């Protein structure tokens, strides 16, 4: 029963990914069709990750976290101008942003692969990150 539910979910994901703009995802889908492979949970992760990181909502979240981190950097400078101790809220926010940026970097690396990440079109931003 659970296998049927997973198969239905993967089939709906397959249809959704066909509409995706990512050429890497489309290539994987075509290879899977030609080779007649069955869907598995590994395919779900492999196909979903590029779609997820290229999604407008994820990009918007990343932009929001960048802006929030910029505000925290400014707040930290102002705080240290008038105080000698550390502000726990500012430090916590900075740690959260750093952790988010690390997770984002790892997701982008996993989705694109090492070669495309460091040698592809967006290599300048990837290396900068």
Protein backbone atom coordinates (compact mmCIF):
# COMPACT_ATOMS: atom_id res chain seq x y z
CA UNK A 1 0.00 0.00 0.00
CA UNK A 2 2.77 2.44 0.93
CA UNK A 3 4.64 1.58 -2.27
CA UNK A 4 1.56 2.57 -4.31
CA UNK A 5 1.32 5.89 -2.49
CA UNK A 6 4.99 6.58 -3.15
CA UNK A 7 4.59 5.62 -6.81
CA UNK A 8 1.63 7.99 -7.18
CA UNK A 9 3.56 10.77 -5.49
CA UNK A 10 6.56 10.22 -7.71
CA UNK A 11 4.38 10.17 -10.82
CA UNK A 12 2.85 13.53 -9.88
CA UNK A 13 6.32 14.86 -9.17
CA UNK A 14 7.44 13.57 -12.55
CA UNK A 15 4.68 15.55 -14.28
CA UNK A 16 5.57 18.67 -12.30
CA UNK A 17 9.26 18.36 -13.09
CA UNK A 18 8.51 18.09 -16.80
CA UNK A 19 7.36 21.70 -16.59
CA UNK A 20 10.56 22.75 -14.82
CA UNK A 21 12.98 25.10 -16.59
CA UNK A 22 16.07 23.25 -15.42
CA UNK A 23 17.79 21.47 -18.29
CA UNK A 24 19.66 19.22 -15.85
CA UNK A 25 16.38 17.95 -14.43
CA UNK A 26 14.91 17.40 -17.90
CA UNK A 27 18.02 15.47 -18.95
CA UNK A 28 17.71 13.16 -15.96
CA UNK A 29 14.02 12.63 -16.71
CA UNK A 30 14.73 11.73 -20.33
CA UNK A 31 17.52 9.32 -19.39
CA UNK A 32 15.18 7.64 -16.94
CA UNK A 33 12.49 7.23 -19.61
CA UNK A 34 14.87 5.89 -22.24
CA UNK A 35 16.47 3.40 -19.89
CA UNK A 36 13.09 2.30 -18.52
CA UNK A 37 14.08 2.75 -14.90
CA UNK A 38 11.52 2.68 -12.15
CA UNK A 39 11.15 5.54 -9.72
CA UNK A 40 12.82 5.29 -6.34
CA UNK A 41 13.28 7.55 -3.34
CA UNK A 42 16.79 8.35 -4.64
CA UNK A 43 15.24 9.70 -7.85
CA UNK A 44 12.93 11.88 -5.77
CA UNK A 45 15.91 13.54 -4.08
CA UNK A 46 18.00 13.83 -7.25
CA UNK A 47 15.19 15.40 -9.26
CA UNK A 48 13.70 17.53 -6.51
CA UNK A 49 16.88 19.25 -5.36
CA UNK A 50 17.61 21.28 -8.53
CA UNK A 51 13.94 22.20 -8.77
CA UNK A 52 13.90 23.25 -5.11
CA UNK A 53 16.96 25.51 -5.25
CA UNK A 54 15.82 27.12 -8.51
CA UNK A 55 12.32 27.77 -7.18
CA UNK A 56 11.30 31.41 -6.78
CA UNK A 57 10.29 30.89 -3.14
CA UNK A 58 13.72 29.51 -2.21
CA UNK A 59 15.47 32.34 -4.07
CA UNK A 60 13.25 34.86 -2.26
CA UNK A 61 14.01 33.27 1.09
CA UNK A 62 17.75 33.48 0.36
CA UNK A 63 17.41 37.16 -0.58
CA UNK A 64 15.47 37.83 2.63
CA UNK A 65 18.12 36.11 4.77
CA UNK A 66 20.86 38.14 3.03
CA UNK A 67 19.01 41.37 3.83
CA UNK A 68 18.36 40.27 7.41
CA UNK A 69 22.04 39.41 7.83
CA UNK A 70 23.01 42.85 6.51
CA UNK A 71 20.73 44.47 9.07
CA UNK A 72 22.25 42.30 11.80
CA UNK A 73 25.78 43.33 10.78
CA UNK A 74 24.75 46.99 11.02
CA UNK A 75 23.01 46.42 14.36
CA UNK A 76 26.11 44.66 15.66
CA UNK A 77 28.29 47.65 14.72
CA UNK A 78 25.92 50.08 16.41
CA UNK A 79 25.66 47.86 19.50
CA UNK A 80 29.43 47.61 19.90
CA UNK A 81 29.78 51.37 19.45
CA UNK A 82 27.86 51.97 22.68
CA UNK A 83 28.35 48.71 24.60
CA UNK A 84 31.27 46.49 25.50
CA UNK A 85 29.28 43.27 25.88
CA UNK A 86 27.63 41.15 23.19
CA UNK A 87 23.93 41.21 22.41
CA UNK A 88 22.52 37.67 22.54
CA UNK A 89 19.79 38.39 19.96
CA UNK A 90 22.22 39.80 17.43
CA UNK A 91 24.66 36.94 17.98
CA UNK A 92 21.88 34.36 17.68
CA UNK A 93 20.60 35.94 14.48
CA UNK A 94 24.10 36.01 13.03
CA UNK A 95 24.62 32.34 13.88
CA UNK A 96 21.28 31.46 12.29
CA UNK A 97 22.18 33.33 9.08
CA UNK A 98 25.58 31.64 8.94
CA UNK A 99 23.99 28.21 9.37
CA UNK A 100 21.41 28.99 6.68
CA UNK A 101 24.13 30.12 4.26
CA UNK A 102 26.07 26.91 4.90
CA UNK A 103 23.00 24.75 4.22
CA UNK A 104 22.24 26.77 1.07
CA UNK A 105 25.79 26.31 -0.17
CA UNK A 106 25.70 22.55 0.42
CA UNK A 107 22.30 22.22 -1.30
CA UNK A 108 23.52 24.15 -4.34
CA UNK A 109 26.68 22.04 -4.48
CA UNK A 110 24.71 18.79 -4.26
CA UNK A 111 22.17 19.91 -6.85
CA UNK A 112 24.67 20.99 -9.47
CA UNK A 113 27.60 18.65 -8.82
CA UNK A 114 31.18 19.74 -8.19
CA UNK A 115 32.17 20.28 -11.81
CA UNK A 116 29.21 22.47 -12.76
CA UNK A 117 29.30 24.25 -9.39
CA UNK A 118 32.94 25.34 -9.76
CA UNK A 119 33.24 25.50 -13.57
CA UNK A 120 29.69 26.28 -14.77
CA UNK A 121 27.97 29.54 -15.63
CA UNK A 122 27.45 30.67 -12.04
CA UNK A 123 30.96 29.78 -10.88
CA UNK A 124 31.84 33.36 -9.94
CA UNK A 125 28.99 33.64 -7.45
CA UNK A 126 29.50 30.09 -6.22
CA UNK A 127 33.18 30.67 -5.47
CA UNK A 128 32.34 34.03 -3.89
CA UNK A 129 29.79 32.32 -1.61
